[in-house]
């Protein structure tokens, strides 16, 4: 196999790192944005779910884009769109403009991660892929390590808009580097995007996520909520049926016939729901309820993020040696247990206890995400890599948005229930202490739901087996085994 394109990978990784950093920067700032722009938790969470919504809509097209266009063109388009969105968000003085900026950023980042993953899969042989993905994970997890602490410091000393102002010049510099240094050639491919499939995909994933995200404000009984969820499900079913009938589908659902891939994507979706929920609920608890400063809230998450980053190359090597099953079981057991303890928070829970608990939870997550995903992708023939990475990223964004929306909805609804109960016990007196106590119980209830979510993934992890490259769907030999040397090196 030819030498991996390290120069190209470096540029792609820097771009992907920045888009990930930008995503993690905002979580700590949500309470400040709520206060400044006078919006509720169920509204401000759209900055997270809206970002994932656009990712969920656009990522299905990346399998087509990666096959159709060169890496250079896709990277420059992604960074250009991301930079425009960053400038918009930095100038926002109303929530609507901030949300529009975030969604524009998402349109750029949606292309970045599948593009990088696809280049990684093609560049490294299967026996070195775990280690390569581990190094990739170390760099990518550096963003969550830096993000909350940097965000906390900036929000404490400056306006929250500074989060976008510091990213803008860096994004512009990366764009210039890409223009001058990123070179690759792409033969013309006779591939056409099915516009009706794009509409079905956008309506399906968009309506589904909008329905879940609206439940926090409208309630599950609202026709707007269940109507959008039903519309989304119907459109997705039609979309899948259409893809299965097409010779060159936009997103190839036949990859679910590979059992380890299907299992890995299911576990990844469930874990993502638990991961994103913690990222949104914890800042609300520590800042809104406990009054901990944004900087201290960011520092609280720093050890866990550092552990996750440092564990990435280690889990990559362990995966190459032992496979993903043992890692996933241990990691999900840690995630489930720590999620339970997070559902028992009080107004007196110590800062040290929160740091330790959150760090152990992130340690568990680090043992699951990359090994499980890599194991599933390893079973796919090479020609399905663009579809596998696109499907992975789509389902993670969709599940992350649904998980966040679902648990914020649980928190909001249960807060109202607990507030009514506490008011009745306090002879109808509503004060700040009653509301804080009610919100605390609402957050605990949301974390308790995440215990069951993580538990489902733990049960599924027992069925993981080490994946080997499967035979091509048309009965061909596994790619790279009985091919001509010329083709094998391509």
Protein backbone atom coordinates (compact mmCIF):
# COMPACT_ATOMS: atom_id res chain seq x y z
CA UNK A 1 0.00 0.00 0.00
CA UNK A 2 1.32 3.48 -0.85
CA UNK A 3 2.41 5.92 1.87
CA UNK A 4 -0.55 7.71 3.53
CA UNK A 5 -0.98 11.38 2.44
CA UNK A 6 0.11 12.91 5.77
CA UNK A 7 0.16 16.50 4.45
CA UNK A 8 -3.43 16.30 3.25
CA UNK A 9 -4.51 14.56 6.46
CA UNK A 10 -2.88 17.31 8.56
CA UNK A 11 -4.80 20.08 6.80
CA UNK A 12 -8.07 18.14 7.02
CA UNK A 13 -7.51 17.42 10.72
CA UNK A 14 -6.83 21.09 11.55
CA UNK A 15 -10.06 22.06 9.79
CA UNK A 16 -12.05 19.33 11.53
CA UNK A 17 -10.47 20.26 14.89
CA UNK A 18 -11.63 23.87 14.53
CA UNK A 19 -15.22 22.88 13.66
CA UNK A 20 -15.31 20.54 16.67
CA UNK A 21 -13.76 23.17 18.95
CA UNK A 22 -16.40 25.67 17.88
CA UNK A 23 -19.15 23.18 18.75
CA UNK A 24 -17.81 22.54 22.27
CA UNK A 25 -17.17 26.24 22.92
CA UNK A 26 -20.87 27.03 23.08
CA UNK A 27 -22.10 24.62 25.78
CA UNK A 28 -20.61 26.56 28.71
CA UNK A 29 -21.96 29.82 27.23
CA UNK A 30 -25.61 28.64 27.00
CA UNK A 31 -26.64 30.08 30.42
CA UNK A 32 -25.02 33.45 29.51
CA UNK A 33 -26.82 33.48 26.14
CA UNK A 34 -30.11 32.61 27.91
CA UNK A 35 -29.69 35.63 30.20
CA UNK A 36 -28.42 38.06 27.53
CA UNK A 37 -30.92 37.25 24.78
CA UNK A 38 -33.74 36.47 27.27
CA UNK A 39 -34.57 32.97 26.01
CA UNK A 40 -35.53 29.77 27.86
CA UNK A 41 -33.59 26.48 28.08
CA UNK A 42 -35.97 24.83 25.58
CA UNK A 43 -35.18 27.66 23.11
CA UNK A 44 -31.43 28.02 23.67
CA UNK A 45 -30.92 24.26 23.17
CA UNK A 46 -31.72 24.94 19.48
CA UNK A 47 -28.14 26.27 19.21
CA UNK A 48 -27.08 22.66 19.81
CA UNK A 49 -29.94 20.74 18.19
CA UNK A 50 -30.19 23.21 15.26
CA UNK A 51 -26.48 22.62 14.56
CA UNK A 52 -27.06 18.86 14.61
CA UNK A 53 -30.26 19.26 12.58
CA UNK A 54 -28.37 20.83 9.66
CA UNK A 55 -25.66 18.17 10.01
CA UNK A 56 -28.33 15.46 9.95
CA UNK A 57 -29.87 16.93 6.79
CA UNK A 58 -26.61 17.54 4.89
CA UNK A 59 -24.39 14.60 5.91
CA UNK A 60 -26.42 12.07 3.83
CA UNK A 61 -25.27 13.99 0.74
CA UNK A 62 -21.58 13.62 1.65
CA UNK A 63 -21.32 10.08 0.24
CA UNK A 64 -22.34 11.56 -3.14
CA UNK A 65 -20.10 14.64 -2.71
CA UNK A 66 -16.99 12.59 -1.78
CA UNK A 67 -17.42 10.40 -4.88
CA UNK A 68 -18.22 13.33 -7.18
CA UNK A 69 -15.76 16.09 -6.18
CA UNK A 70 -12.09 16.40 -5.21
CA UNK A 71 -10.96 16.64 -1.59
CA UNK A 72 -9.60 20.14 -2.29
CA UNK A 73 -12.91 21.48 -3.58
CA UNK A 74 -14.92 19.94 -0.73
CA UNK A 75 -12.52 21.21 1.94
CA UNK A 76 -12.48 24.77 0.58
CA UNK A 77 -16.27 24.83 0.28
CA UNK A 78 -16.66 23.49 3.83
CA UNK A 79 -14.22 25.97 5.41
CA UNK A 80 -15.66 28.88 3.40
CA UNK A 81 -19.23 28.18 4.53
CA UNK A 82 -18.06 27.61 8.13
CA UNK A 83 -16.18 30.96 8.17
CA UNK A 84 -19.24 32.87 6.90
CA UNK A 85 -21.39 31.28 9.62
CA UNK A 86 -18.83 32.18 12.31
CA UNK A 87 -18.87 35.85 11.25
CA UNK A 88 -22.71 35.88 11.30
CA UNK A 89 -22.87 34.38 14.80
CA UNK A 90 -20.22 36.78 16.12
CA UNK A 91 -22.28 39.78 15.01
CA UNK A 92 -25.61 38.45 16.33
CA UNK A 93 -27.64 40.67 18.66
CA UNK A 94 -30.86 38.67 18.39
CA UNK A 95 -31.31 34.94 18.92
CA UNK A 96 -32.60 34.33 15.37
CA UNK A 97 -29.39 35.67 13.76
CA UNK A 98 -27.23 33.68 16.18
CA UNK A 99 -29.15 30.51 15.29
CA UNK A 100 -28.81 31.28 11.55
CA UNK A 101 -25.03 31.70 12.01
CA UNK A 102 -24.77 28.41 13.90
CA UNK A 103 -26.73 26.57 11.22
CA UNK A 104 -24.51 28.06 8.51
CA UNK A 105 -21.45 26.85 10.44
CA UNK A 106 -23.07 23.41 10.60
CA UNK A 107 -23.44 23.34 6.80
CA UNK A 108 -19.65 23.62 6.57
CA UNK A 109 -18.78 21.17 9.34
CA UNK A 110 -21.23 18.57 7.93
CA UNK A 111 -18.85 18.01 5.01
CA UNK A 112 -15.63 18.09 7.06
CA UNK A 113 -15.87 15.02 9.32
CA UNK A 114 -17.09 12.44 6.72
CA UNK A 115 -14.43 13.73 4.30
CA UNK A 116 -11.65 13.24 6.86
CA UNK A 117 -12.95 9.81 7.95
CA UNK A 118 -13.12 8.61 4.35
CA UNK A 119 -9.52 9.70 3.63
CA UNK A 120 -8.41 7.94 6.86
CA UNK A 121 -10.12 4.67 5.91
CA UNK A 122 -8.66 4.66 2.39
CA UNK A 123 -5.14 5.66 3.56
CA UNK A 124 -4.46 2.95 6.17
CA UNK A 125 -4.66 -0.88 5.97
CA UNK A 126 -7.12 -2.61 8.30
CA UNK A 127 -4.44 -3.91 10.71
CA UNK A 128 -3.17 -0.34 11.36
CA UNK A 129 -6.54 1.38 11.26
CA UNK A 130 -7.23 1.24 15.01
CA UNK A 131 -3.93 2.96 15.82
CA UNK A 132 -4.46 5.55 13.06
CA UNK A 133 -7.99 6.26 14.27
CA UNK A 134 -6.59 6.52 17.82
CA UNK A 135 -4.14 9.26 16.82
CA UNK A 136 -6.95 10.94 14.90
CA UNK A 137 -9.10 10.67 18.05
CA UNK A 138 -6.35 12.25 20.20
CA UNK A 139 -6.35 15.33 17.97
CA UNK A 140 -10.15 15.44 17.68
CA UNK A 141 -10.68 14.99 21.44
CA UNK A 142 -8.31 17.88 22.03
CA UNK A 143 -11.18 20.15 20.99
CA UNK A 144 -13.54 19.05 23.81
CA UNK A 145 -10.54 19.30 26.19
CA UNK A 146 -9.78 22.92 25.28
CA UNK A 147 -13.34 24.04 24.43
CA UNK A 148 -15.15 24.28 27.80
CA UNK A 149 -12.20 25.88 29.67
CA UNK A 150 -11.45 28.39 26.89
CA UNK A 151 -15.18 29.12 26.64
CA UNK A 152 -15.48 29.62 30.41
CA UNK A 153 -12.53 32.04 30.49
CA UNK A 154 -13.82 34.04 27.51
CA UNK A 155 -17.40 34.25 28.84
CA UNK A 156 -16.16 35.34 32.27
CA UNK A 157 -13.93 38.12 30.90
CA UNK A 158 -15.68 39.11 27.67
CA UNK A 159 -19.05 39.03 25.94
CA UNK A 160 -20.10 35.54 24.71
CA UNK A 161 -19.74 36.80 21.10
CA UNK A 162 -15.97 36.65 21.63
CA UNK A 163 -16.33 32.85 21.27
CA UNK A 164 -16.94 33.45 17.57
CA UNK A 165 -14.57 36.41 17.16
CA UNK A 166 -11.55 34.30 18.21
CA UNK A 167 -12.48 31.49 15.78
CA UNK A 168 -12.98 33.77 12.72
CA UNK A 169 -9.29 34.67 11.98
CA UNK A 170 -8.18 31.06 12.60
CA UNK A 171 -10.85 29.73 10.21
CA UNK A 172 -9.80 32.28 7.59
CA UNK A 173 -6.12 31.29 7.98
CA UNK A 174 -6.95 27.57 7.55
CA UNK A 175 -8.95 28.45 4.43
CA UNK A 176 -5.92 30.25 2.96
CA UNK A 177 -3.62 27.32 3.81
CA UNK A 178 -6.05 24.98 2.03
CA UNK A 179 -6.12 27.20 -1.06
CA UNK A 180 -2.32 27.21 -1.44
CA UNK A 181 -1.27 23.81 -0.12
CA UNK A 182 -4.10 21.34 -0.69
CA UNK A 183 -3.65 19.67 -4.09
CA UNK A 184 -5.38 16.56 -5.37
CA UNK A 185 -6.80 15.51 -8.70
CA UNK A 186 -10.18 13.93 -9.26
CA UNK A 187 -11.22 12.14 -12.41
CA UNK A 188 -14.62 13.17 -13.72
CA UNK A 189 -17.28 10.85 -12.28
CA UNK A 190 -20.61 10.30 -14.01
CA UNK A 191 -22.71 10.67 -10.88
CA UNK A 192 -25.92 12.65 -10.53
CA UNK A 193 -27.65 13.70 -7.33
CA UNK A 194 -31.25 12.56 -7.15
CA UNK A 195 -33.04 15.79 -6.17
CA UNK A 196 -36.17 13.98 -4.93
CA UNK A 197 -34.02 11.85 -2.60
CA UNK A 198 -32.41 15.05 -1.28
CA UNK A 199 -35.87 16.54 -0.60
CA UNK A 200 -37.06 13.35 1.13
CA UNK A 201 -33.89 13.19 3.24
CA UNK A 202 -34.14 16.87 4.24
CA UNK A 203 -37.86 16.69 5.07
CA UNK A 204 -37.48 13.36 6.87
CA UNK A 205 -34.54 14.14 9.15
CA UNK A 206 -35.51 17.81 9.48
CA UNK A 207 -39.13 17.17 10.52
CA UNK A 208 -38.13 14.36 12.89
CA UNK A 209 -35.57 16.48 14.72
CA UNK A 210 -37.82 19.55 14.74
CA UNK A 211 -40.62 17.49 16.29
CA UNK A 212 -38.40 16.16 19.10
CA UNK A 213 -36.83 19.59 19.69
CA UNK A 214 -40.21 21.35 19.92
CA UNK A 215 -41.54 18.95 22.56
CA UNK A 216 -39.78 20.84 25.38
CA UNK A 217 -41.85 23.96 24.73
CA UNK A 218 -45.03 22.60 23.12
CA UNK A 219 -45.43 19.32 25.03
CA UNK A 220 -45.74 15.82 23.55
CA UNK A 221 -49.53 16.22 23.11
CA UNK A 222 -49.11 19.15 20.71
CA UNK A 223 -50.23 18.39 17.10
CA UNK A 224 -47.15 20.33 15.93
CA UNK A 225 -44.87 17.90 17.80
CA UNK A 226 -46.37 14.52 16.92
CA UNK A 227 -47.38 15.76 13.45
CA UNK A 228 -43.77 16.64 12.59
CA UNK A 229 -42.44 13.37 14.03
CA UNK A 230 -44.95 11.35 11.94
CA UNK A 231 -44.14 13.40 8.81
CA UNK A 232 -40.42 12.82 9.41
CA UNK A 233 -40.82 9.06 9.85
CA UNK A 234 -42.98 8.72 6.72
CA UNK A 235 -40.50 10.73 4.62
CA UNK A 236 -37.54 8.67 5.93
CA UNK A 237 -39.33 5.38 5.11
CA UNK A 238 -40.03 6.60 1.55
CA UNK A 239 -36.41 7.84 1.30
CA UNK A 240 -35.01 4.43 2.37
CA UNK A 241 -37.29 2.53 -0.06
CA UNK A 242 -36.21 4.83 -2.89
CA UNK A 243 -32.49 4.35 -2.07
CA UNK A 244 -32.86 0.55 -2.05
CA UNK A 245 -34.32 0.62 -5.58
CA UNK A 246 -31.66 2.89 -7.11
CA UNK A 247 -28.54 1.61 -8.86
CA UNK A 248 -26.44 4.53 -7.49
CA UNK A 249 -28.23 5.67 -4.32
CA UNK A 250 -27.47 8.92 -2.49
CA UNK A 251 -27.05 6.92 0.73
CA UNK A 252 -26.64 3.15 0.42
CA UNK A 253 -28.78 1.36 3.02
CA UNK A 254 -27.63 -2.10 1.88
CA UNK A 255 -24.61 -1.60 4.19
CA UNK A 256 -26.95 -2.57 7.05
CA UNK A 257 -26.73 -6.15 5.71
CA UNK A 258 -23.28 -6.31 7.32
CA UNK A 259 -24.15 -7.34 10.91
CA UNK A 260 -21.18 -5.79 12.75
CA UNK A 261 -21.69 -2.49 10.94
CA UNK A 262 -25.41 -2.47 11.82
CA UNK A 263 -24.62 -3.27 15.46
CA UNK A 264 -21.85 -0.67 15.70
CA UNK A 265 -24.02 2.13 14.34
CA UNK A 266 -26.84 1.21 16.76
CA UNK A 267 -24.48 1.32 19.77
CA UNK A 268 -22.92 4.58 18.54
CA UNK A 269 -26.35 6.20 18.25
CA UNK A 270 -27.36 5.20 21.78
CA UNK A 271 -24.02 6.34 23.28
CA UNK A 272 -24.22 9.67 21.40
CA UNK A 273 -27.65 10.32 22.95
CA UNK A 274 -26.14 9.87 26.43
CA UNK A 275 -22.99 11.90 25.59
CA UNK A 276 -24.71 15.01 24.21
CA UNK A 277 -27.27 15.05 27.03
CA UNK A 278 -24.50 15.33 29.62
CA UNK A 279 -22.82 18.14 27.68
CA UNK A 280 -26.05 20.23 27.81
CA UNK A 281 -27.42 19.30 31.26
CA UNK A 282 -24.18 19.70 33.25
CA UNK A 283 -23.53 23.40 32.39
CA UNK A 284 -27.18 24.24 33.28
CA UNK A 285 -26.80 22.47 36.64
CA UNK A 286 -23.43 23.94 37.66
CA UNK A 287 -24.10 27.53 36.50
CA UNK A 288 -27.86 28.12 36.79
CA UNK A 289 -28.51 26.06 39.93
CA UNK A 290 -25.16 26.07 41.75
CA UNK A 291 -23.97 29.53 40.65
CA UNK A 292 -20.54 28.22 39.68
CA UNK A 293 -18.67 30.65 37.39
CA UNK A 294 -18.34 29.85 33.65
CA UNK A 295 -14.55 29.42 34.03
CA UNK A 296 -14.90 26.98 36.95
CA UNK A 297 -17.65 25.14 35.03
CA UNK A 298 -15.25 24.78 32.09
CA UNK A 299 -12.40 23.64 34.35
CA UNK A 300 -14.74 21.04 35.86
CA UNK A 301 -15.06 19.37 32.45
CA UNK A 302 -11.36 19.70 31.57
CA UNK A 303 -9.96 16.55 33.31
CA UNK A 304 -12.64 14.34 31.70
CA UNK A 305 -11.93 15.78 28.25
CA UNK A 306 -8.14 15.35 28.73
CA UNK A 307 -8.68 11.71 29.79
CA UNK A 308 -10.83 11.15 26.69
CA UNK A 309 -8.12 12.65 24.45
CA UNK A 310 -5.22 10.73 26.04
CA UNK A 311 -7.17 7.45 26.00
CA UNK A 312 -7.86 7.69 22.27
CA UNK A 313 -4.48 6.38 20.97
CA UNK A 314 -4.41 3.82 23.83
CA UNK A 315 -7.86 2.45 22.95
CA UNK A 316 -6.77 2.46 19.29
CA UNK A 317 -3.85 0.14 20.07
CA UNK A 318 -5.98 -2.02 22.38
CA UNK A 319 -8.57 -2.28 19.62
CA UNK A 320 -5.95 -3.49 17.09
CA UNK A 321 -4.85 -6.13 19.61
CA UNK A 322 -8.08 -7.29 21.30
CA UNK A 323 -11.00 -5.98 19.22
CA UNK A 324 -13.88 -3.75 20.33
CA UNK A 325 -16.07 -6.03 22.50
CA UNK A 326 -14.17 -5.91 25.81
CA UNK A 327 -13.47 -2.18 25.47
CA UNK A 328 -17.13 -1.44 24.75
CA UNK A 329 -18.44 -3.52 27.67
CA UNK A 330 -16.08 -1.89 30.22
CA UNK A 331 -16.69 1.58 28.80
CA UNK A 332 -20.48 1.25 28.76
CA UNK A 333 -20.53 -0.19 32.28
CA UNK A 334 -18.66 2.93 33.49
CA UNK A 335 -21.02 5.19 31.51
CA UNK A 336 -24.15 3.52 32.92
CA UNK A 337 -22.98 3.62 36.55
CA UNK A 338 -21.79 7.25 36.40
CA UNK A 339 -25.05 8.30 34.68
CA UNK A 340 -26.92 6.84 37.67
CA UNK A 341 -24.82 8.81 40.16
CA UNK A 342 -25.41 11.98 38.09
CA UNK A 343 -29.14 11.40 38.59
CA UNK A 344 -28.61 11.80 42.37
CA UNK A 345 -27.27 15.39 42.37
CA UNK A 346 -28.14 17.74 45.25
CA UNK A 347 -27.68 21.43 46.05
CA UNK A 348 -24.69 20.42 48.21
CA UNK A 349 -22.88 18.06 45.78
CA UNK A 350 -19.19 19.00 45.99
CA UNK A 351 -17.19 20.39 43.09
CA UNK A 352 -14.53 17.64 43.47
CA UNK A 353 -17.21 14.93 43.34
CA UNK A 354 -18.58 16.39 40.08
CA UNK A 355 -15.08 16.53 38.53
CA UNK A 356 -14.33 12.88 39.43
CA UNK A 357 -17.75 11.61 38.31
CA UNK A 358 -17.67 13.48 34.98
CA UNK A 359 -14.07 12.29 34.35
CA UNK A 360 -14.98 8.63 34.92
CA UNK A 361 -17.98 9.05 32.61
CA UNK A 362 -15.74 10.45 29.85
CA UNK A 363 -13.24 7.61 30.42
CA UNK A 364 -16.07 5.18 29.72
CA UNK A 365 -17.12 7.09 26.61
CA UNK A 366 -13.53 7.05 25.27
CA UNK A 367 -13.52 3.24 25.35
CA UNK A 368 -16.67 3.00 23.24
CA UNK A 369 -16.99 5.58 20.47
CA UNK A 370 -13.94 5.07 18.22
CA UNK A 371 -13.44 1.28 18.70
CA UNK A 372 -17.11 0.48 18.04
CA UNK A 373 -17.29 2.71 14.94
CA UNK A 374 -14.00 1.41 13.52
CA UNK A 375 -15.02 -2.23 14.09
CA UNK A 376 -18.23 -1.69 12.11
CA UNK A 377 -16.53 0.17 9.24
CA UNK A 378 -13.87 -2.57 9.00
CA UNK A 379 -16.52 -5.04 7.81
CA UNK A 380 -17.51 -2.91 4.80
CA UNK A 381 -15.94 -3.39 1.35
CA UNK A 382 -13.85 -0.40 0.28
CA UNK A 383 -16.43 0.89 -2.22
CA UNK A 384 -18.88 1.40 0.64
CA UNK A 385 -16.56 3.58 2.78
CA UNK A 386 -18.13 6.91 1.68
CA UNK A 387 -21.60 5.52 2.47
CA UNK A 388 -20.44 4.00 5.76
CA UNK A 389 -18.85 7.21 7.04
CA UNK A 390 -21.81 9.31 5.83
CA UNK A 391 -24.29 6.95 7.51
CA UNK A 392 -22.23 6.93 10.73
CA UNK A 393 -22.12 10.71 10.93
CA UNK A 394 -25.77 11.12 9.93
CA UNK A 395 -27.04 8.73 12.56
CA UNK A 396 -24.79 10.19 15.27
CA UNK A 397 -26.03 13.72 14.54
CA UNK A 398 -29.66 12.59 14.42
CA UNK A 399 -29.37 10.57 17.63
CA UNK A 400 -27.42 13.37 19.34
CA UNK A 401 -30.10 15.92 18.44
CA UNK A 402 -32.95 13.58 19.44
CA UNK A 403 -31.17 12.63 22.68
CA UNK A 404 -30.50 16.27 23.60
CA UNK A 405 -34.05 17.33 22.72
CA UNK A 406 -35.58 14.34 24.51
CA UNK A 407 -33.65 14.85 27.75
CA UNK A 408 -34.05 18.66 27.77
CA UNK A 409 -37.79 17.99 27.27
CA UNK A 410 -37.76 15.55 30.20
CA UNK A 411 -35.92 18.16 32.28
CA UNK A 412 -38.38 20.96 31.35
CA UNK A 413 -41.54 18.88 31.87
CA UNK A 414 -40.37 17.30 35.12
CA UNK A 415 -39.25 20.72 36.41
CA UNK A 416 -42.84 21.95 35.97
CA UNK A 417 -44.21 18.89 37.77
CA UNK A 418 -41.77 19.25 40.68
CA UNK A 419 -42.44 23.02 40.87
CA UNK A 420 -46.19 22.36 41.24
CA UNK A 421 -45.54 19.76 43.95
CA UNK A 422 -43.14 22.02 45.86
CA UNK A 423 -45.54 24.99 45.60
CA UNK A 424 -48.34 22.88 47.03
CA UNK A 425 -46.08 21.82 49.91
CA UNK A 426 -45.09 25.47 50.49
CA UNK A 427 -48.74 26.66 50.57
CA UNK A 428 -48.64 28.06 47.04
CA UNK A 429 -45.57 30.25 47.57
CA UNK A 430 -43.37 30.44 44.47
CA UNK A 431 -39.85 31.72 45.05
CA UNK A 432 -36.40 31.33 43.55
CA UNK A 433 -35.43 28.52 45.94
CA UNK A 434 -38.51 26.49 44.96
CA UNK A 435 -37.72 26.91 41.25
CA UNK A 436 -34.05 25.94 41.73
CA UNK A 437 -35.06 22.82 43.65
CA UNK A 438 -37.61 21.95 40.95
CA UNK A 439 -35.03 22.40 38.16
CA UNK A 440 -32.53 20.25 40.07
CA UNK A 441 -35.07 17.41 40.32
CA UNK A 442 -35.85 17.86 36.60
CA UNK A 443 -32.14 17.48 35.71
CA UNK A 444 -31.89 14.39 37.96
CA UNK A 445 -34.89 12.84 36.19
CA UNK A 446 -33.30 13.54 32.79
CA UNK A 447 -30.03 11.88 33.86
CA UNK A 448 -32.02 8.91 35.19
CA UNK A 449 -33.49 8.41 31.72
CA UNK A 450 -29.93 8.44 30.31
CA UNK A 451 -29.11 5.50 32.64
CA UNK A 452 -31.55 3.32 30.68
CA UNK A 453 -30.23 4.67 27.36
CA UNK A 454 -26.65 3.69 28.31
CA UNK A 455 -27.92 0.34 29.66
CA UNK A 456 -29.38 -0.56 26.25
CA UNK A 457 -25.98 0.05 24.62
CA UNK A 458 -24.28 -2.08 27.32
CA UNK A 459 -26.53 -5.07 26.52
CA UNK A 460 -25.86 -4.68 22.77
CA UNK A 461 -22.08 -4.56 23.36
CA UNK A 462 -22.08 -8.26 24.39
CA UNK A 463 -22.92 -9.16 20.76
CA UNK A 464 -19.86 -7.43 19.23
CA UNK A 465 -17.42 -9.65 17.30
CA UNK A 466 -14.17 -8.65 15.63
CA UNK A 467 -15.09 -7.61 12.10
CA UNK A 468 -13.25 -8.78 9.00
CA UNK A 469 -13.66 -7.24 5.53
CA UNK A 470 -16.82 -8.81 4.15
CA UNK A 471 -17.17 -10.04 0.61
CA UNK A 472 -18.58 -7.57 -1.87
CA UNK A 473 -22.36 -7.59 -2.18
CA UNK A 474 -22.07 -9.01 -5.69
CA UNK A 475 -20.12 -12.01 -4.48
CA UNK A 476 -16.70 -10.51 -5.16
CA UNK A 477 -13.70 -11.32 -2.96
CA UNK A 478 -12.95 -8.98 -0.06
CA UNK A 479 -11.31 -5.90 -1.50
CA UNK A 480 -7.53 -5.90 -1.27
CA UNK A 481 -7.18 -9.70 -0.87
CA UNK A 482 -7.46 -11.21 -4.38
CA UNK A 483 -7.11 -8.09 -6.47
CA UNK A 484 -4.44 -7.23 -8.95
CA UNK A 485 -1.47 -5.41 -7.32
CA UNK A 486 -2.27 -2.35 -9.41
CA UNK A 487 -5.85 -2.12 -8.14
CA UNK A 488 -4.88 -2.96 -4.57
CA UNK A 489 -2.51 0.02 -4.49
CA UNK A 490 -5.11 2.48 -5.74
